[in-house]
Amino acid sequence: MATSRFAVIAGAGAGTGAALARRFAQKYPVFLLARSSASYDTTVEEIKSTGGQAYGVPADISSAQGVKMAFEEIEQKVGKDASCAVALFNASARPAWKPFLDLTEEDFDASYAISGKGAFHFSQATIPLLLRAAKQDQSEHPPTLIFTGATAALRGSANLAAFAPAKFAGRALAQSLAREFGPQGVHVAHVIVDGIIDLPGSKELLKDAGPNAKLDPNAIADSYWYLHSQPPSAFTQELDLRPHSEKW
């Protein structure tokens, strides 16, 4: 398979990652990166069954070597001259909900390995491919790099002293990259997902709160597409999403 433009998603599990894959597969071949193939197999098959192109690539996003190997595999499929239309960093470590004095160095490192180092490795792998797309100037939409953030990227809450610094790091990276690569034609954006996402695992949460009390993954994906489709004269660097009933 050879293609001129493709999309790549890190953190392509069920929920937001799968919704992003389905949305962007309407326009591009998509590559789904996750540590385990179980995270993306169902989504890949679903997209293929509807006529789209999707490929799963196992990758440890916290490892420079793991990311390098993943993108070498992608290159084998798309060819050396292909460029990246969209790169979505949706990976995140599971928060360690602990009082600060109960945290271990391993807890802190686990969060930063994904949201800090993982974002760094992913960006270094994708930005050259996004810049290639910008230089070609043949795309309907500007090449785009989007990071999934969280409430913790804006403020650190009690018992999240390992998670919040890592999400702060991802947000800071996005801001720096936007300032460096925006003038070169790459749209870099950071999305604050502020609320509970409507997933099978969150079914019991807010179950009495009424409709639309949780974030719909498909609506989140539509917002990412909106960012990708913005013209260079009106780039959004940060977008926040929350249910209408969320207190903030």
C-alpha atoms as a PDB file:
ATOM      1  CA  MET A   1       0.000   0.000   0.000  1.00  0.00           C
ATOM      2  CA  ALA A   2       1.387   3.365  -1.019  1.00  0.00           C
ATOM      3  CA  THR A   3      -0.271   6.648  -0.191  1.00  0.00           C
ATOM      4  CA  SER A   4       0.655  10.310  -0.303  1.00  0.00           C
ATOM      5  CA  ARG A   5      -0.993  11.256   3.011  1.00  0.00           C
ATOM      6  CA  PHE A   6      -1.939   9.306   6.120  1.00  0.00           C
ATOM      7  CA  ALA A   7      -3.107   9.778   9.714  1.00  0.00           C
ATOM      8  CA  VAL A   8      -1.498   8.237  12.790  1.00  0.00           C
ATOM      9  CA  ILE A   9      -2.992   7.911  16.262  1.00  0.00           C
ATOM     10  CA  ALA A  10      -1.062   7.045  19.422  1.00  0.00           C
ATOM     11  CA  GLY A  11      -3.335   5.690  22.126  1.00  0.00           C
ATOM     12  CA  ALA A  12      -5.859   4.041  19.855  1.00  0.00           C
ATOM     13  CA  GLY A  13      -7.854   2.015  22.351  1.00  0.00           C
ATOM     14  CA  ALA A  14     -11.617   1.797  22.716  1.00  0.00           C
ATOM     15  CA  GLY A  15     -13.417   5.068  23.303  1.00  0.00           C
ATOM     16  CA  THR A  16     -11.806   8.294  22.148  1.00  0.00           C
ATOM     17  CA  GLY A  17      -8.995   6.585  20.238  1.00  0.00           C
ATOM     18  CA  ALA A  18     -11.400   4.386  18.301  1.00  0.00           C
ATOM     19  CA  ALA A  19     -13.708   7.339  17.587  1.00  0.00           C
ATOM     20  CA  LEU A  20     -10.762   9.370  16.273  1.00  0.00           C
ATOM     21  CA  ALA A  21      -9.718   6.493  14.047  1.00  0.00           C
ATOM     22  CA  ARG A  22     -13.196   6.119  12.579  1.00  0.00           C
ATOM     23  CA  ARG A  23     -13.524   9.867  11.940  1.00  0.00           C
ATOM     24  CA  PHE A  24     -10.164  10.365  10.275  1.00  0.00           C
ATOM     25  CA  ALA A  25     -10.456   7.111   8.293  1.00  0.00           C
ATOM     26  CA  GLN A  26     -13.224   8.858   6.339  1.00  0.00           C
ATOM     27  CA  LYS A  27     -10.458  10.885   4.684  1.00  0.00           C
ATOM     28  CA  TYR A  28      -7.113   9.132   5.203  1.00  0.00           C
ATOM     29  CA  PRO A  29      -5.554   5.731   5.734  1.00  0.00           C
ATOM     30  CA  VAL A  30      -5.073   5.543   9.514  1.00  0.00           C
ATOM     31  CA  PHE A  31      -2.390   3.869  11.580  1.00  0.00           C
ATOM     32  CA  LEU A  32      -3.339   2.965  15.137  1.00  0.00           C
ATOM     33  CA  LEU A  33      -0.529   2.718  17.691  1.00  0.00           C
ATOM     34  CA  ALA A  34      -0.957   0.943  21.007  1.00  0.00           C
ATOM     35  CA  ARG A  35       1.064  -1.309  23.271  1.00  0.00           C
ATOM     36  CA  SER A  36      -1.248  -4.270  22.689  1.00  0.00           C
ATOM     37  CA  SER A  37      -3.010  -5.298  19.477  1.00  0.00           C
ATOM     38  CA  ALA A  38      -6.102  -5.998  21.574  1.00  0.00           C
ATOM     39  CA  SER A  39      -6.499  -2.218  21.858  1.00  0.00           C
ATOM     40  CA  TYR A  40      -6.966  -1.665  18.135  1.00  0.00           C
ATOM     41  CA  ASP A  41      -7.921  -4.949  16.446  1.00  0.00           C
ATOM     42  CA  THR A  42     -11.679  -4.375  16.656  1.00  0.00           C
ATOM     43  CA  THR A  43     -11.412  -0.800  15.379  1.00  0.00           C
ATOM     44  CA  VAL A  44      -9.178  -1.809  12.480  1.00  0.00           C
ATOM     45  CA  GLU A  45     -11.634  -4.492  11.398  1.00  0.00           C
ATOM     46  CA  GLU A  46     -14.593  -2.120  11.757  1.00  0.00           C
ATOM     47  CA  ILE A  47     -12.964   0.512   9.545  1.00  0.00           C
ATOM     48  CA  LYS A  48     -11.973  -2.053   6.926  1.00  0.00           C
ATOM     49  CA  SER A  49     -15.499  -3.467   6.884  1.00  0.00           C
ATOM     50  CA  THR A  50     -16.839  -0.052   5.883  1.00  0.00           C
ATOM     51  CA  GLY A  51     -14.326   0.424   3.073  1.00  0.00           C
ATOM     52  CA  GLY A  52     -11.695   2.430   4.942  1.00  0.00           C
ATOM     53  CA  GLN A  53      -8.001   1.743   5.350  1.00  0.00           C
ATOM     54  CA  ALA A  54      -6.713   1.053   8.850  1.00  0.00           C
ATOM     55  CA  TYR A  55      -3.613  -0.649  10.188  1.00  0.00           C
ATOM     56  CA  GLY A  56      -2.603  -1.541  13.715  1.00  0.00           C
ATOM     57  CA  VAL A  57       0.996  -1.075  14.801  1.00  0.00           C
ATOM     58  CA  PRO A  58       2.188  -2.320  18.207  1.00  0.00           C
ATOM     59  CA  ALA A  59       4.274   0.365  19.898  1.00  0.00           C
ATOM     60  CA  ASP A  60       5.576   1.312  23.320  1.00  0.00           C
ATOM     61  CA  ILE A  61       5.135   5.053  23.039  1.00  0.00           C
ATOM     62  CA  SER A  62       7.334   5.691  26.090  1.00  0.00           C
ATOM     63  CA  SER A  63      10.347   4.154  24.324  1.00  0.00           C
ATOM     64  CA  ALA A  64      12.358   6.019  21.692  1.00  0.00           C
ATOM     65  CA  GLN A  65      13.291   2.702  20.093  1.00  0.00           C
ATOM     66  CA  GLY A  66       9.706   1.484  20.226  1.00  0.00           C
ATOM     67  CA  VAL A  67       8.453   4.598  18.418  1.00  0.00           C
ATOM     68  CA  LYS A  68      11.262   4.374  15.866  1.00  0.00           C
ATOM     69  CA  MET A  69      10.352   0.778  15.058  1.00  0.00           C
ATOM     70  CA  ALA A  70       6.670   1.662  14.741  1.00  0.00           C
ATOM     71  CA  PHE A  71       7.347   4.425  12.221  1.00  0.00           C
ATOM     72  CA  GLU A  72       9.710   2.196  10.268  1.00  0.00           C
ATOM     73  CA  GLU A  73       6.803  -0.232   9.948  1.00  0.00           C
ATOM     74  CA  ILE A  74       4.528   2.584   8.801  1.00  0.00           C
ATOM     75  CA  GLU A  75       7.101   3.681   6.214  1.00  0.00           C
ATOM     76  CA  GLN A  76       7.214   0.169   4.807  1.00  0.00           C
ATOM     77  CA  LYS A  77       3.493   0.419   4.089  1.00  0.00           C
ATOM     78  CA  VAL A  78       3.198   4.039   2.868  1.00  0.00           C
ATOM     79  CA  GLY A  79       6.549   4.445   1.139  1.00  0.00           C
ATOM     80  CA  LYS A  80       9.465   6.793   1.799  1.00  0.00           C
ATOM     81  CA  ASP A  81       7.862   9.791   0.113  1.00  0.00           C
ATOM     82  CA  ALA A  82       4.554   9.777   1.993  1.00  0.00           C
ATOM     83  CA  SER A  83       3.716  12.577   4.370  1.00  0.00           C
ATOM     84  CA  CYS A  84       1.558  12.814   7.464  1.00  0.00           C
ATOM     85  CA  ALA A  85      -1.731  14.693   7.248  1.00  0.00           C
ATOM     86  CA  VAL A  86      -2.701  14.235  10.903  1.00  0.00           C
ATOM     87  CA  ALA A  87      -0.883  13.030  14.012  1.00  0.00           C
ATOM     88  CA  LEU A  88      -2.983  12.561  17.138  1.00  0.00           C
ATOM     89  CA  PHE A  89      -1.354  11.959  20.514  1.00  0.00           C
ATOM     90  CA  ASN A  90      -4.150  10.405  22.546  1.00  0.00           C
ATOM     91  CA  ALA A  91      -1.998   8.230  24.826  1.00  0.00           C
ATOM     92  CA  SER A  92      -2.143   8.681  28.594  1.00  0.00           C
ATOM     93  CA  ALA A  93      -1.109   6.739  31.657  1.00  0.00           C
ATOM     94  CA  ARG A  94      -3.788   5.676  34.114  1.00  0.00           C
ATOM     95  CA  PRO A  95      -3.791   8.170  37.017  1.00  0.00           C
ATOM     96  CA  ALA A  96      -2.302   6.979  40.302  1.00  0.00           C
ATOM     97  CA  TRP A  97      -4.979   8.208  42.721  1.00  0.00           C
ATOM     98  CA  LYS A  98      -2.896   8.361  45.872  1.00  0.00           C
ATOM     99  CA  PRO A  99      -2.070  10.820  48.641  1.00  0.00           C
ATOM    100  CA  PHE A 100       1.228  12.484  47.823  1.00  0.00           C
ATOM    101  CA  LEU A 101       3.184  10.841  50.634  1.00  0.00           C
ATOM    102  CA  ASP A 102       2.049   7.418  49.410  1.00  0.00           C
ATOM    103  CA  LEU A 103       3.370   7.982  45.884  1.00  0.00           C
ATOM    104  CA  THR A 104       6.457   6.136  44.740  1.00  0.00           C
ATOM    105  CA  GLU A 105       9.042   7.180  42.204  1.00  0.00           C
ATOM    106  CA  GLU A 106       7.607   4.449  39.976  1.00  0.00           C
ATOM    107  CA  ASP A 107       4.169   6.096  40.138  1.00  0.00           C
ATOM    108  CA  PHE A 108       5.627   9.423  39.059  1.00  0.00           C
ATOM    109  CA  ASP A 109       7.729   7.896  36.296  1.00  0.00           C
ATOM    110  CA  ALA A 110       4.796   5.891  34.919  1.00  0.00           C
ATOM    111  CA  SER A 111       2.753   9.037  34.248  1.00  0.00           C
ATOM    112  CA  TYR A 112       5.632  11.026  32.805  1.00  0.00           C
ATOM    113  CA  ALA A 113       6.796   8.134  30.611  1.00  0.00           C
ATOM    114  CA  ILE A 114       3.581   8.457  28.555  1.00  0.00           C
ATOM    115  CA  SER A 115       2.362  12.046  28.774  1.00  0.00           C
ATOM    116  CA  GLY A 116       5.831  13.593  28.866  1.00  0.00           C
ATOM    117  CA  LYS A 117       8.386  11.368  27.143  1.00  0.00           C
ATOM    118  CA  GLY A 118       5.814   9.612  24.991  1.00  0.00           C
ATOM    119  CA  ALA A 119       4.542  12.926  23.638  1.00  0.00           C
ATOM    120  CA  PHE A 120       8.146  13.960  22.974  1.00  0.00           C
ATOM    121  CA  HIS A 121       9.001  10.760  21.072  1.00  0.00           C
ATOM    122  CA  PHE A 122       5.769  10.871  19.054  1.00  0.00           C
ATOM    123  CA  SER A 123       6.304  14.516  18.126  1.00  0.00           C
ATOM    124  CA  GLN A 124       9.870  13.946  16.978  1.00  0.00           C
ATOM    125  CA  ALA A 125       8.698  11.072  14.799  1.00  0.00           C
ATOM    126  CA  THR A 126       5.734  12.875  13.239  1.00  0.00           C
ATOM    127  CA  ILE A 127       6.843  16.488  12.820  1.00  0.00           C
ATOM    128  CA  PRO A 128       9.268  15.763   9.940  1.00  0.00           C
ATOM    129  CA  LEU A 129       6.409  14.007   8.140  1.00  0.00           C
ATOM    130  CA  LEU A 130       4.029  16.882   8.876  1.00  0.00           C
ATOM    131  CA  LEU A 131       6.598  19.402   7.628  1.00  0.00           C
ATOM    132  CA  ARG A 132       6.918  17.370   4.432  1.00  0.00           C
ATOM    133  CA  ALA A 133       3.166  17.729   3.954  1.00  0.00           C
ATOM    134  CA  ALA A 134       3.367  21.476   4.604  1.00  0.00           C
ATOM    135  CA  LYS A 135       6.107  21.908   2.020  1.00  0.00           C
ATOM    136  CA  GLN A 136       4.159  19.941  -0.564  1.00  0.00           C
ATOM    137  CA  ASP A 137       1.196  22.307  -0.032  1.00  0.00           C
ATOM    138  CA  GLN A 138      -1.207  19.984  -1.818  1.00  0.00           C
ATOM    139  CA  SER A 139      -3.579  19.142   1.010  1.00  0.00           C
ATOM    140  CA  GLU A 140      -7.115  20.366   1.469  1.00  0.00           C
ATOM    141  CA  HIS A 141      -6.358  20.863   5.171  1.00  0.00           C
ATOM    142  CA  PRO A 142      -3.151  21.944   6.935  1.00  0.00           C
ATOM    143  CA  PRO A 143      -1.007  19.154   8.444  1.00  0.00           C
ATOM    144  CA  THR A 144      -2.044  18.854  12.074  1.00  0.00           C
ATOM    145  CA  LEU A 145      -0.610  17.600  15.362  1.00  0.00           C
ATOM    146  CA  ILE A 146      -3.116  17.350  18.229  1.00  0.00           C
ATOM    147  CA  PHE A 147      -2.513  16.366  21.853  1.00  0.00           C
ATOM    148  CA  THR A 148      -5.248  15.043  24.126  1.00  0.00           C
ATOM    149  CA  GLY A 149      -5.067  16.805  27.478  1.00  0.00           C
ATOM    150  CA  ALA A 150      -7.178  16.649  30.612  1.00  0.00           C
ATOM    151  CA  THR A 151      -8.397  18.816  33.452  1.00  0.00           C
ATOM    152  CA  ALA A 152      -5.133  17.918  35.195  1.00  0.00           C
ATOM    153  CA  ALA A 153      -3.224  19.780  32.474  1.00  0.00           C
ATOM    154  CA  LEU A 154      -4.743  23.017  33.810  1.00  0.00           C
ATOM    155  CA  ARG A 155      -4.728  22.452  37.558  1.00  0.00           C
ATOM    156  CA  GLY A 156      -3.324  19.888  39.919  1.00  0.00           C
ATOM    157  CA  SER A 157      -5.866  18.307  42.235  1.00  0.00           C
ATOM    158  CA  ALA A 158      -5.336  16.474  45.503  1.00  0.00           C
ATOM    159  CA  ASN A 159      -4.161  12.877  45.028  1.00  0.00           C
ATOM    160  CA  LEU A 160      -3.039  13.534  41.449  1.00  0.00           C
ATOM    161  CA  ALA A 161       0.492  14.755  42.162  1.00  0.00           C
ATOM    162  CA  ALA A 162       1.998  12.208  39.760  1.00  0.00           C
ATOM    163  CA  PHE A 163      -0.567  12.585  36.960  1.00  0.00           C
ATOM    164  CA  ALA A 164      -0.913  16.377  36.848  1.00  0.00           C
ATOM    165  CA  PRO A 165       2.786  17.232  36.289  1.00  0.00           C
ATOM    166  CA  ALA A 166       2.859  14.795  33.366  1.00  0.00           C
ATOM    167  CA  LYS A 167      -0.230  16.350  31.768  1.00  0.00           C
ATOM    168  CA  PHE A 168       1.215  19.829  32.389  1.00  0.00           C
ATOM    169  CA  ALA A 169       4.319  18.664  30.496  1.00  0.00           C
ATOM    170  CA  GLY A 170       2.274  17.567  27.500  1.00  0.00           C
ATOM    171  CA  ARG A 171       0.464  20.892  27.396  1.00  0.00           C
ATOM    172  CA  ALA A 172       3.722  22.855  27.611  1.00  0.00           C
ATOM    173  CA  LEU A 173       5.201  20.765  24.807  1.00  0.00           C
ATOM    174  CA  ALA A 174       2.177  21.493  22.617  1.00  0.00           C
ATOM    175  CA  GLN A 175       2.524  25.233  23.239  1.00  0.00           C
ATOM    176  CA  SER A 176       6.221  25.220  22.360  1.00  0.00           C
ATOM    177  CA  LEU A 177       5.672  23.180  19.199  1.00  0.00           C
ATOM    178  CA  ALA A 178       2.828  25.450  18.101  1.00  0.00           C
ATOM    179  CA  ARG A 179       5.096  28.481  18.320  1.00  0.00           C
ATOM    180  CA  GLU A 180       7.955  26.779  16.483  1.00  0.00           C
ATOM    181  CA  PHE A 181       6.107  24.908  13.755  1.00  0.00           C
ATOM    182  CA  GLY A 182       2.938  26.939  13.251  1.00  0.00           C
ATOM    183  CA  PRO A 183       4.860  29.482  11.155  1.00  0.00           C
ATOM    184  CA  GLN A 184       6.114  26.548   9.076  1.00  0.00           C
ATOM    185  CA  GLY A 185       2.576  25.472   8.243  1.00  0.00           C
ATOM    186  CA  VAL A 186       1.912  22.786  10.866  1.00  0.00           C
ATOM    187  CA  HIS A 187      -1.147  23.291  13.038  1.00  0.00           C
ATOM    188  CA  VAL A 188      -0.377  22.183  16.611  1.00  0.00           C
ATOM    189  CA  ALA A 189      -3.296  22.066  19.051  1.00  0.00           C
ATOM    190  CA  HIS A 190      -3.984  20.856  22.576  1.00  0.00           C
ATOM    191  CA  VAL A 191      -7.446  19.654  23.645  1.00  0.00           C
ATOM    192  CA  ILE A 192      -8.575  19.799  27.272  1.00  0.00           C
ATOM    193  CA  VAL A 193     -11.034  16.950  27.794  1.00  0.00           C
ATOM    194  CA  ASP A 194     -12.752  18.136  30.965  1.00  0.00           C
ATOM    195  CA  GLY A 195     -15.188  15.522  32.186  1.00  0.00           C
ATOM    196  CA  ILE A 196     -16.038  11.839  32.160  1.00  0.00           C
ATOM    197  CA  ILE A 197     -16.050  10.185  28.747  1.00  0.00           C
ATOM    198  CA  ASP A 198     -19.024   7.950  27.958  1.00  0.00           C
ATOM    199  CA  LEU A 199     -17.453   4.487  27.799  1.00  0.00           C
ATOM    200  CA  PRO A 200     -18.551   1.003  28.875  1.00  0.00           C
ATOM    201  CA  GLY A 201     -16.200   1.326  31.859  1.00  0.00           C
ATOM    202  CA  SER A 202     -17.851   4.568  32.978  1.00  0.00           C
ATOM    203  CA  LYS A 203     -21.421   3.299  32.652  1.00  0.00           C
ATOM    204  CA  GLU A 204     -22.141   3.502  36.376  1.00  0.00           C
ATOM    205  CA  LEU A 205     -20.704   6.994  36.749  1.00  0.00           C
ATOM    206  CA  LEU A 206     -23.222   9.864  36.642  1.00  0.00           C
ATOM    207  CA  LYS A 207     -25.933   7.395  35.654  1.00  0.00           C
ATOM    208  CA  ASP A 208     -28.598   9.551  37.335  1.00  0.00           C
ATOM    209  CA  ALA A 209     -27.316  12.842  35.937  1.00  0.00           C
ATOM    210  CA  GLY A 210     -29.458  12.782  32.818  1.00  0.00           C
ATOM    211  CA  PRO A 211     -28.533  12.811  29.120  1.00  0.00           C
ATOM    212  CA  ASN A 212     -25.316  14.432  27.889  1.00  0.00           C
ATOM    213  CA  ALA A 213     -23.694  14.383  31.326  1.00  0.00           C
ATOM    214  CA  LYS A 214     -20.679  12.586  29.856  1.00  0.00           C
ATOM    215  CA  LEU A 215     -18.526  13.359  26.843  1.00  0.00           C
ATOM    216  CA  ASP A 216     -19.490  11.475  23.685  1.00  0.00           C
ATOM    217  CA  PRO A 217     -16.283  10.078  22.056  1.00  0.00           C
ATOM    218  CA  ASN A 218     -17.723  10.695  18.588  1.00  0.00           C
ATOM    219  CA  ALA A 219     -18.384  14.331  19.448  1.00  0.00           C
ATOM    220  CA  ILE A 220     -14.795  14.624  20.673  1.00  0.00           C
ATOM    221  CA  ALA A 221     -13.598  13.196  17.352  1.00  0.00           C
ATOM    222  CA  ASP A 222     -15.689  15.739  15.441  1.00  0.00           C
ATOM    223  CA  SER A 223     -13.966  18.517  17.399  1.00  0.00           C
ATOM    224  CA  TYR A 224     -10.546  17.124  16.445  1.00  0.00           C
ATOM    225  CA  TRP A 225     -11.637  17.114  12.817  1.00  0.00           C
ATOM    226  CA  TYR A 226     -12.750  20.732  13.188  1.00  0.00           C
ATOM    227  CA  LEU A 227      -9.243  21.635  14.394  1.00  0.00           C
ATOM    228  CA  HIS A 228      -7.684  19.802  11.457  1.00  0.00           C
ATOM    229  CA  SER A 229      -9.929  21.589   8.969  1.00  0.00           C
ATOM    230  CA  GLN A 230      -9.131  25.119  10.213  1.00  0.00           C
ATOM    231  CA  PRO A 231      -7.392  27.373   7.684  1.00  0.00           C
ATOM    232  CA  PRO A 232      -3.930  28.790   8.524  1.00  0.00           C
ATOM    233  CA  SER A 233      -5.472  32.244   8.994  1.00  0.00           C
ATOM    234  CA  ALA A 234      -7.391  31.045  12.080  1.00  0.00           C
ATOM    235  CA  PHE A 235      -5.583  28.297  13.997  1.00  0.00           C
ATOM    236  CA  THR A 236      -6.820  27.320  17.453  1.00  0.00           C
ATOM    237  CA  GLN A 237      -3.992  26.344  19.796  1.00  0.00           C
ATOM    238  CA  GLU A 238      -6.143  25.109  22.667  1.00  0.00           C
ATOM    239  CA  LEU A 239      -9.707  23.874  22.767  1.00  0.00           C
ATOM    240  CA  ASP A 240     -11.594  22.753  25.855  1.00  0.00           C
ATOM    241  CA  LEU A 241     -14.445  20.250  25.745  1.00  0.00           C
ATOM    242  CA  ARG A 242     -16.878  19.396  28.524  1.00  0.00           C
ATOM    243  CA  PRO A 243     -20.484  18.263  28.984  1.00  0.00           C
ATOM    244  CA  HIS A 244     -22.956  21.095  29.367  1.00  0.00           C
ATOM    245  CA  SER A 245     -23.598  20.098  32.977  1.00  0.00           C
ATOM    246  CA  GLU A 246     -19.929  19.879  34.016  1.00  0.00           C
ATOM    247  CA  LYS A 247     -18.924  22.247  36.834  1.00  0.00           C
ATOM    248  CA  TRP A 248     -15.735  24.119  36.031  1.00  0.00           C
END
